[in-house]
């Protein structure tokens, strides 16, 4: 099935099957397992969630601080629980970051370690790349001790 790229911005809980690129179906009823979608108003959520097939893209908009880092982890967790194959964290629209926010990038790596196609970061020059470099400055590779 060839699906068009979709874009949803919302509060982030467990992603519906349609958002994750799987066959459409209703989200789990009566639980925290739904995505409350909003119009494309980045002021409502610091994370823009898009999907393309089995890849979920989590774009961090404006600032990556502790609260945004928490929202990023919630979104990544929702995507993992929806059995997506790959997650891309897009940092190209990032304007600033804090150390606490940058640490969420490492936590995302740990959360997504078992995805079939893994976790990938999208950066360019500027704050997005700087945040990623800051996040991994003092972190050793997962297999470094073996």
N, C-alpha and C. Protein backbone atom coordinates (compact mmCIF):
# COMPACT_ATOMS: atom_id res chain seq x y z
N UNK A 1 0.86 -1.18 0.00
CA UNK A 1 0.00 0.00 0.00
C UNK A 1 0.90 1.23 0.00
N UNK A 2 0.61 2.19 -0.82
CA UNK A 2 1.39 3.41 -0.91
C UNK A 2 0.66 4.52 -0.18
N UNK A 3 1.19 4.94 0.96
CA UNK A 3 0.54 5.97 1.76
C UNK A 3 1.24 7.30 1.55
N UNK A 4 0.46 8.34 1.54
CA UNK A 4 1.03 9.68 1.43
C UNK A 4 1.57 10.09 2.80
N UNK A 5 2.54 10.97 2.80
CA UNK A 5 3.10 11.50 4.03
C UNK A 5 2.01 12.23 4.79
N UNK A 6 1.89 11.94 6.08
CA UNK A 6 0.88 12.59 6.90
C UNK A 6 1.58 13.42 7.96
N UNK A 7 0.90 14.43 8.45
CA UNK A 7 1.47 15.29 9.48
C UNK A 7 0.43 15.53 10.55
N UNK A 8 0.81 15.25 11.78
CA UNK A 8 -0.06 15.46 12.91
C UNK A 8 0.75 16.09 14.02
N UNK A 9 0.19 17.09 14.64
CA UNK A 9 0.80 17.68 15.82
C UNK A 9 -0.19 17.51 16.93
N UNK A 10 0.25 16.98 18.06
CA UNK A 10 -0.71 16.78 19.13
C UNK A 10 -0.05 16.39 20.42
N UNK A 11 -0.87 16.18 21.42
CA UNK A 11 -0.35 15.64 22.65
C UNK A 11 0.02 14.21 22.37
N UNK A 12 1.04 13.75 23.01
CA UNK A 12 1.64 12.51 22.59
C UNK A 12 1.40 11.40 23.59
N UNK A 13 0.60 10.44 23.19
CA UNK A 13 0.41 9.21 23.92
C UNK A 13 0.72 8.11 22.94
N UNK A 14 0.17 6.94 23.13
CA UNK A 14 0.38 5.85 22.20
C UNK A 14 -0.18 6.25 20.84
N UNK A 15 0.64 6.09 19.81
CA UNK A 15 0.22 6.49 18.47
C UNK A 15 -0.76 5.47 17.92
N UNK A 16 -1.71 5.96 17.16
CA UNK A 16 -2.66 5.04 16.54
C UNK A 16 -1.96 4.28 15.43
N UNK A 17 -2.54 3.19 15.01
CA UNK A 17 -1.95 2.39 13.94
C UNK A 17 -1.81 3.20 12.67
N UNK A 18 -2.77 4.06 12.38
CA UNK A 18 -2.70 4.87 11.16
C UNK A 18 -1.51 5.80 11.20
N UNK A 19 -1.22 6.38 12.36
CA UNK A 19 -0.10 7.29 12.49
C UNK A 19 1.21 6.55 12.33
N UNK A 20 1.28 5.33 12.78
CA UNK A 20 2.51 4.57 12.70
C UNK A 20 2.72 3.92 11.34
N UNK A 21 1.76 4.04 10.44
CA UNK A 21 1.92 3.50 9.10
C UNK A 21 1.39 2.08 8.95
N UNK A 22 0.77 1.54 9.98
CA UNK A 22 0.18 0.21 9.90
C UNK A 22 -1.24 0.33 9.38
N UNK A 23 -1.90 -0.77 9.09
CA UNK A 23 -3.28 -0.68 8.63
C UNK A 23 -4.13 0.11 9.61
N UNK A 24 -5.08 0.85 9.06
CA UNK A 24 -5.93 1.70 9.89
C UNK A 24 -6.78 0.88 10.84
N UNK A 25 -7.02 1.47 11.98
CA UNK A 25 -7.87 0.84 12.97
C UNK A 25 -8.10 1.82 14.09
N UNK A 26 -9.10 1.60 14.90
CA UNK A 26 -9.36 2.55 15.97
C UNK A 26 -8.29 2.44 17.05
N UNK A 27 -7.96 3.56 17.71
CA UNK A 27 -7.01 3.50 18.81
C UNK A 27 -7.67 2.79 19.99
N UNK A 28 -6.86 2.38 20.93
CA UNK A 28 -7.40 1.73 22.12
C UNK A 28 -8.35 2.68 22.82
N UNK A 29 -9.52 2.19 23.16
CA UNK A 29 -10.54 3.06 23.75
C UNK A 29 -10.40 3.10 25.25
N UNK A 30 -10.74 4.27 25.81
CA UNK A 30 -10.82 4.41 27.24
C UNK A 30 -9.50 4.34 27.98
N UNK A 31 -8.39 4.66 27.33
CA UNK A 31 -7.10 4.62 28.00
C UNK A 31 -6.26 5.80 27.54
N UNK A 32 -5.02 5.82 28.00
CA UNK A 32 -4.10 6.86 27.58
C UNK A 32 -3.49 6.53 26.23
N UNK A 33 -4.03 5.58 25.53
CA UNK A 33 -3.43 5.07 24.31
C UNK A 33 -3.91 5.78 23.06
N UNK A 34 -4.39 6.98 23.17
CA UNK A 34 -4.84 7.70 21.98
C UNK A 34 -3.98 8.93 21.75
N UNK A 35 -4.02 9.42 20.56
CA UNK A 35 -3.33 10.66 20.21
C UNK A 35 -4.38 11.72 20.02
N UNK A 36 -4.27 12.78 20.77
CA UNK A 36 -5.20 13.89 20.63
C UNK A 36 -4.62 14.84 19.59
N UNK A 37 -5.17 14.81 18.39
CA UNK A 37 -4.62 15.60 17.30
C UNK A 37 -5.13 17.03 17.34
N UNK A 38 -4.30 17.93 16.94
CA UNK A 38 -4.64 19.35 16.85
C UNK A 38 -4.34 19.82 15.44
N UNK A 39 -4.83 20.98 15.10
CA UNK A 39 -4.44 21.55 13.82
C UNK A 39 -2.94 21.84 13.86
N UNK A 40 -2.35 22.14 12.74
CA UNK A 40 -0.91 22.35 12.67
C UNK A 40 -0.52 23.65 13.37
N UNK A 41 -0.56 23.64 14.67
CA UNK A 41 -0.22 24.78 15.50
C UNK A 41 0.94 24.38 16.39
N UNK A 42 2.19 24.64 15.96
CA UNK A 42 3.34 24.20 16.73
C UNK A 42 3.37 24.77 18.14
N UNK A 43 2.61 25.82 18.43
CA UNK A 43 2.56 26.37 19.76
C UNK A 43 1.88 25.43 20.74
N UNK A 44 1.10 24.48 20.26
CA UNK A 44 0.38 23.56 21.13
C UNK A 44 1.25 22.39 21.56
N UNK A 45 2.22 22.00 20.79
CA UNK A 45 3.09 20.89 21.13
C UNK A 45 4.48 21.19 20.61
N UNK A 46 5.51 20.89 21.40
CA UNK A 46 6.86 21.13 20.93
C UNK A 46 7.37 20.06 19.97
N UNK A 47 6.58 19.01 19.75
CA UNK A 47 6.98 17.91 18.88
C UNK A 47 5.98 17.78 17.74
N UNK A 48 6.47 17.83 16.52
CA UNK A 48 5.64 17.58 15.34
C UNK A 48 5.85 16.11 14.95
N UNK A 49 4.76 15.36 14.88
CA UNK A 49 4.83 13.93 14.59
C UNK A 49 4.33 13.69 13.17
N UNK A 50 5.16 13.07 12.36
CA UNK A 50 4.76 12.69 11.01
C UNK A 50 5.10 11.22 10.80
N UNK A 51 4.47 10.63 9.82
CA UNK A 51 4.82 9.25 9.50
C UNK A 51 4.88 9.08 8.00
N UNK A 52 5.73 8.17 7.61
CA UNK A 52 5.88 7.80 6.21
C UNK A 52 6.13 6.30 6.19
N UNK A 53 5.09 5.55 5.91
CA UNK A 53 5.21 4.10 5.97
C UNK A 53 5.43 3.66 7.40
N UNK A 54 6.47 2.89 7.65
CA UNK A 54 6.77 2.38 9.00
C UNK A 54 7.79 3.25 9.73
N UNK A 55 8.08 4.44 9.21
CA UNK A 55 8.98 5.37 9.88
C UNK A 55 8.17 6.49 10.51
N UNK A 56 8.45 6.77 11.76
CA UNK A 56 7.84 7.90 12.45
C UNK A 56 8.91 8.96 12.62
N UNK A 57 8.57 10.20 12.24
CA UNK A 57 9.49 11.32 12.37
C UNK A 57 8.99 12.21 13.50
N UNK A 58 9.87 12.45 14.46
CA UNK A 58 9.57 13.32 15.59
C UNK A 58 10.42 14.57 15.45
N UNK A 59 9.80 15.66 15.03
CA UNK A 59 10.53 16.91 14.80
C UNK A 59 10.41 17.80 16.03
N UNK A 60 11.55 18.18 16.56
CA UNK A 60 11.57 19.08 17.71
C UNK A 60 11.50 20.50 17.17
N UNK A 61 10.51 21.25 17.64
CA UNK A 61 10.25 22.59 17.13
C UNK A 61 10.73 23.62 18.15
N UNK A 62 11.54 24.54 17.72
CA UNK A 62 12.02 25.69 18.47
C UNK A 62 13.07 25.36 19.53
N UNK A 63 12.67 24.89 20.72
CA UNK A 63 13.58 24.75 21.86
C UNK A 63 13.51 23.34 22.44
N UNK A 64 14.68 22.78 22.71
CA UNK A 64 14.76 21.48 23.36
C UNK A 64 15.20 21.70 24.81
N UNK A 65 14.23 21.77 25.70
CA UNK A 65 14.52 21.91 27.12
C UNK A 65 14.01 20.67 27.83
N UNK A 66 14.00 20.68 29.15
CA UNK A 66 13.58 19.49 29.89
C UNK A 66 12.15 19.08 29.57
N UNK A 67 11.24 20.04 29.47
CA UNK A 67 9.83 19.72 29.16
C UNK A 67 9.69 19.16 27.76
N UNK A 68 10.38 19.76 26.80
CA UNK A 68 10.32 19.26 25.43
C UNK A 68 10.97 17.88 25.34
N UNK A 69 12.06 17.69 26.09
CA UNK A 69 12.70 16.38 26.14
C UNK A 69 11.74 15.32 26.64
N UNK A 70 10.94 15.67 27.66
CA UNK A 70 9.93 14.73 28.16
C UNK A 70 8.89 14.42 27.10
N UNK A 71 8.45 15.45 26.37
CA UNK A 71 7.47 15.24 25.29
C UNK A 71 8.08 14.37 24.18
N UNK A 72 9.36 14.57 23.90
CA UNK A 72 10.05 13.75 22.89
C UNK A 72 10.08 12.28 23.33
N UNK A 73 10.40 12.05 24.59
CA UNK A 73 10.43 10.67 25.09
C UNK A 73 9.04 10.04 25.08
N UNK A 74 8.02 10.83 25.41
CA UNK A 74 6.65 10.31 25.33
C UNK A 74 6.29 9.92 23.90
N UNK A 75 6.67 10.76 22.95
CA UNK A 75 6.37 10.48 21.54
C UNK A 75 7.13 9.26 21.06
N UNK A 76 8.40 9.16 21.44
CA UNK A 76 9.20 8.00 21.04
C UNK A 76 8.63 6.72 21.65
N UNK A 77 8.24 6.78 22.91
CA UNK A 77 7.65 5.63 23.58
C UNK A 77 6.35 5.19 22.88
N UNK A 78 5.54 6.17 22.50
CA UNK A 78 4.29 5.86 21.80
C UNK A 78 4.58 5.17 20.47
N UNK A 79 5.59 5.66 19.77
CA UNK A 79 5.94 5.05 18.47
C UNK A 79 6.48 3.64 18.66
N UNK A 80 7.31 3.44 19.67
CA UNK A 80 7.83 2.10 19.96
C UNK A 80 6.68 1.15 20.30
N UNK A 81 5.75 1.60 21.14
CA UNK A 81 4.61 0.77 21.53
C UNK A 81 3.70 0.46 20.36
N UNK A 82 3.69 1.34 19.34
CA UNK A 82 2.88 1.11 18.14
C UNK A 82 3.61 0.21 17.14
N UNK A 83 4.75 -0.28 17.52
CA UNK A 83 5.55 -1.20 16.71
C UNK A 83 6.04 -0.60 15.40
N UNK A 84 6.43 0.66 15.45
CA UNK A 84 7.06 1.25 14.28
C UNK A 84 8.41 0.58 14.06
N UNK A 85 8.93 0.64 12.87
CA UNK A 85 10.21 0.01 12.58
C UNK A 85 11.38 0.96 12.76
N UNK A 86 11.13 2.25 12.58
CA UNK A 86 12.21 3.23 12.61
C UNK A 86 11.67 4.55 13.15
N UNK A 87 12.50 5.24 13.92
CA UNK A 87 12.16 6.58 14.39
C UNK A 87 13.28 7.52 13.97
N UNK A 88 12.90 8.64 13.36
CA UNK A 88 13.84 9.71 13.04
C UNK A 88 13.52 10.89 13.94
N UNK A 89 14.52 11.40 14.64
CA UNK A 89 14.36 12.61 15.43
C UNK A 89 14.94 13.75 14.60
N UNK A 90 14.08 14.67 14.18
CA UNK A 90 14.47 15.77 13.32
C UNK A 90 14.77 17.00 14.17
N UNK A 91 16.02 17.42 14.16
CA UNK A 91 16.47 18.56 14.96
C UNK A 91 16.76 19.79 14.09
N UNK A 92 16.37 19.76 12.84
CA UNK A 92 16.72 20.85 11.92
C UNK A 92 16.00 22.15 12.21
N UNK A 93 14.86 22.11 12.91
CA UNK A 93 14.13 23.35 13.24
C UNK A 93 14.44 23.85 14.63
N UNK A 94 15.39 23.21 15.28
CA UNK A 94 15.75 23.59 16.63
C UNK A 94 16.46 24.94 16.63
N UNK A 95 16.05 25.82 17.55
CA UNK A 95 16.65 27.14 17.68
C UNK A 95 17.54 27.24 18.91
N UNK A 96 17.23 26.45 19.95
CA UNK A 96 18.04 26.46 21.16
C UNK A 96 17.81 25.17 21.93
N UNK A 97 18.67 24.92 22.91
CA UNK A 97 18.54 23.72 23.73
C UNK A 97 19.19 23.95 25.09
N UNK A 98 18.81 23.12 26.04
CA UNK A 98 19.45 23.08 27.35
C UNK A 98 20.12 21.72 27.49
N UNK A 99 21.01 21.60 28.46
CA UNK A 99 21.67 20.31 28.69
C UNK A 99 20.65 19.23 29.06
N UNK A 100 19.65 19.60 29.87
CA UNK A 100 18.62 18.63 30.25
C UNK A 100 17.84 18.17 29.02
N UNK A 101 17.55 19.07 28.11
CA UNK A 101 16.85 18.69 26.89
C UNK A 101 17.70 17.79 26.01
N UNK A 102 18.98 18.12 25.90
CA UNK A 102 19.89 17.32 25.08
C UNK A 102 20.01 15.89 25.61
N UNK A 103 19.98 15.73 26.93
CA UNK A 103 20.07 14.39 27.51
C UNK A 103 18.91 13.49 27.06
N UNK A 104 17.78 14.08 26.71
CA UNK A 104 16.65 13.30 26.23
C UNK A 104 16.99 12.58 24.92
N UNK A 105 17.92 13.12 24.14
CA UNK A 105 18.32 12.48 22.89
C UNK A 105 18.99 11.14 23.17
N UNK A 106 19.80 11.08 24.22
CA UNK A 106 20.44 9.82 24.60
C UNK A 106 19.39 8.84 25.13
N UNK A 107 18.45 9.35 25.91
CA UNK A 107 17.38 8.49 26.42
C UNK A 107 16.56 7.90 25.27
N UNK A 108 16.36 8.69 24.21
CA UNK A 108 15.65 8.18 23.02
C UNK A 108 16.41 7.01 22.41
N UNK A 109 17.74 7.14 22.34
CA UNK A 109 18.55 6.05 21.79
C UNK A 109 18.31 4.77 22.57
N UNK A 110 18.32 4.88 23.90
CA UNK A 110 18.12 3.70 24.73
C UNK A 110 16.72 3.12 24.55
N UNK A 111 15.72 3.99 24.47
CA UNK A 111 14.34 3.57 24.30
C UNK A 111 14.12 2.86 22.97
N UNK A 112 14.83 3.28 21.94
CA UNK A 112 14.62 2.76 20.58
C UNK A 112 15.62 1.68 20.19
N UNK A 113 16.38 1.18 21.13
CA UNK A 113 17.47 0.24 20.83
C UNK A 113 17.00 -1.03 20.12
N UNK A 114 15.76 -1.42 20.33
CA UNK A 114 15.29 -2.69 19.76
C UNK A 114 14.42 -2.53 18.52
N UNK A 115 14.34 -1.33 17.98
CA UNK A 115 13.57 -1.14 16.74
C UNK A 115 14.29 -1.82 15.59
N UNK A 116 13.54 -2.46 14.68
CA UNK A 116 14.18 -3.15 13.56
C UNK A 116 15.11 -2.27 12.73
N UNK A 117 14.72 -1.02 12.48
CA UNK A 117 15.55 -0.12 11.68
C UNK A 117 16.18 0.99 12.51
N UNK A 118 15.96 0.96 13.81
CA UNK A 118 16.65 1.83 14.74
C UNK A 118 16.17 3.26 14.83
N UNK A 119 16.99 4.04 15.52
CA UNK A 119 16.78 5.47 15.73
C UNK A 119 17.78 6.23 14.90
N UNK A 120 17.32 7.28 14.24
CA UNK A 120 18.19 8.13 13.42
C UNK A 120 17.92 9.58 13.77
N UNK A 121 18.96 10.40 13.64
CA UNK A 121 18.82 11.84 13.89
C UNK A 121 18.99 12.59 12.58
N UNK A 122 18.18 13.61 12.40
CA UNK A 122 18.30 14.51 11.24
C UNK A 122 18.78 15.86 11.76
N UNK A 123 19.93 16.28 11.31
CA UNK A 123 20.46 17.58 11.73
C UNK A 123 21.07 18.29 10.54
N UNK A 124 21.29 19.55 10.73
CA UNK A 124 22.08 20.36 9.81
C UNK A 124 23.09 21.08 10.68
N UNK A 125 23.58 22.19 10.21
CA UNK A 125 24.44 23.00 11.05
C UNK A 125 23.60 23.79 12.02
N UNK A 126 24.16 24.12 13.15
CA UNK A 126 23.45 24.96 14.09
C UNK A 126 23.04 24.24 15.35
N UNK A 127 22.00 24.76 16.03
CA UNK A 127 21.61 24.24 17.34
C UNK A 127 21.25 22.75 17.37
N UNK A 128 20.66 22.24 16.32
CA UNK A 128 20.30 20.82 16.30
C UNK A 128 21.52 19.93 16.38
N UNK A 129 22.50 20.22 15.56
CA UNK A 129 23.75 19.45 15.60
C UNK A 129 24.48 19.67 16.92
N UNK A 130 24.47 20.92 17.40
CA UNK A 130 25.13 21.23 18.68
C UNK A 130 24.50 20.46 19.83
N UNK A 131 23.17 20.38 19.84
CA UNK A 131 22.46 19.65 20.90
C UNK A 131 22.83 18.17 20.85
N UNK A 132 22.89 17.61 19.66
CA UNK A 132 23.23 16.20 19.51
C UNK A 132 24.66 15.94 19.97
N UNK A 133 25.57 16.80 19.59
CA UNK A 133 26.96 16.65 20.02
C UNK A 133 27.08 16.79 21.54
N UNK A 134 26.36 17.75 22.12
CA UNK A 134 26.39 17.95 23.58
C UNK A 134 25.82 16.72 24.29
N UNK A 135 24.79 16.14 23.73
CA UNK A 135 24.14 14.98 24.35
C UNK A 135 25.09 13.80 24.46
N UNK A 136 25.91 13.62 23.45
CA UNK A 136 26.77 12.45 23.40
C UNK A 136 28.22 12.72 23.80
N UNK A 137 28.52 13.90 24.28
CA UNK A 137 29.90 14.25 24.65
C UNK A 137 30.47 13.29 25.69
N UNK A 138 29.72 13.00 26.73
CA UNK A 138 30.21 12.16 27.82
C UNK A 138 29.60 10.77 27.82
N UNK A 139 29.04 10.36 26.70
CA UNK A 139 28.38 9.06 26.62
C UNK A 139 29.23 8.12 25.80
N UNK A 140 29.47 6.95 26.36
CA UNK A 140 30.21 5.95 25.60
C UNK A 140 29.23 5.10 24.79
N UNK A 141 29.73 4.45 23.78
CA UNK A 141 28.90 3.59 22.95
C UNK A 141 28.37 2.44 23.81
N UNK A 142 27.15 1.94 23.50
CA UNK A 142 26.54 0.88 24.31
C UNK A 142 27.42 -0.37 24.43
N UNK A 143 28.22 -0.68 23.42
CA UNK A 143 29.04 -1.88 23.43
C UNK A 143 30.50 -1.60 23.80
N UNK A 144 30.80 -0.39 24.26
CA UNK A 144 32.18 0.00 24.50
C UNK A 144 32.84 -0.84 25.60
N UNK A 145 32.09 -1.32 26.55
CA UNK A 145 32.66 -2.09 27.65
C UNK A 145 32.84 -3.56 27.35
N UNK A 146 32.49 -4.01 26.17
CA UNK A 146 32.55 -5.45 25.85
C UNK A 146 33.77 -5.80 25.06
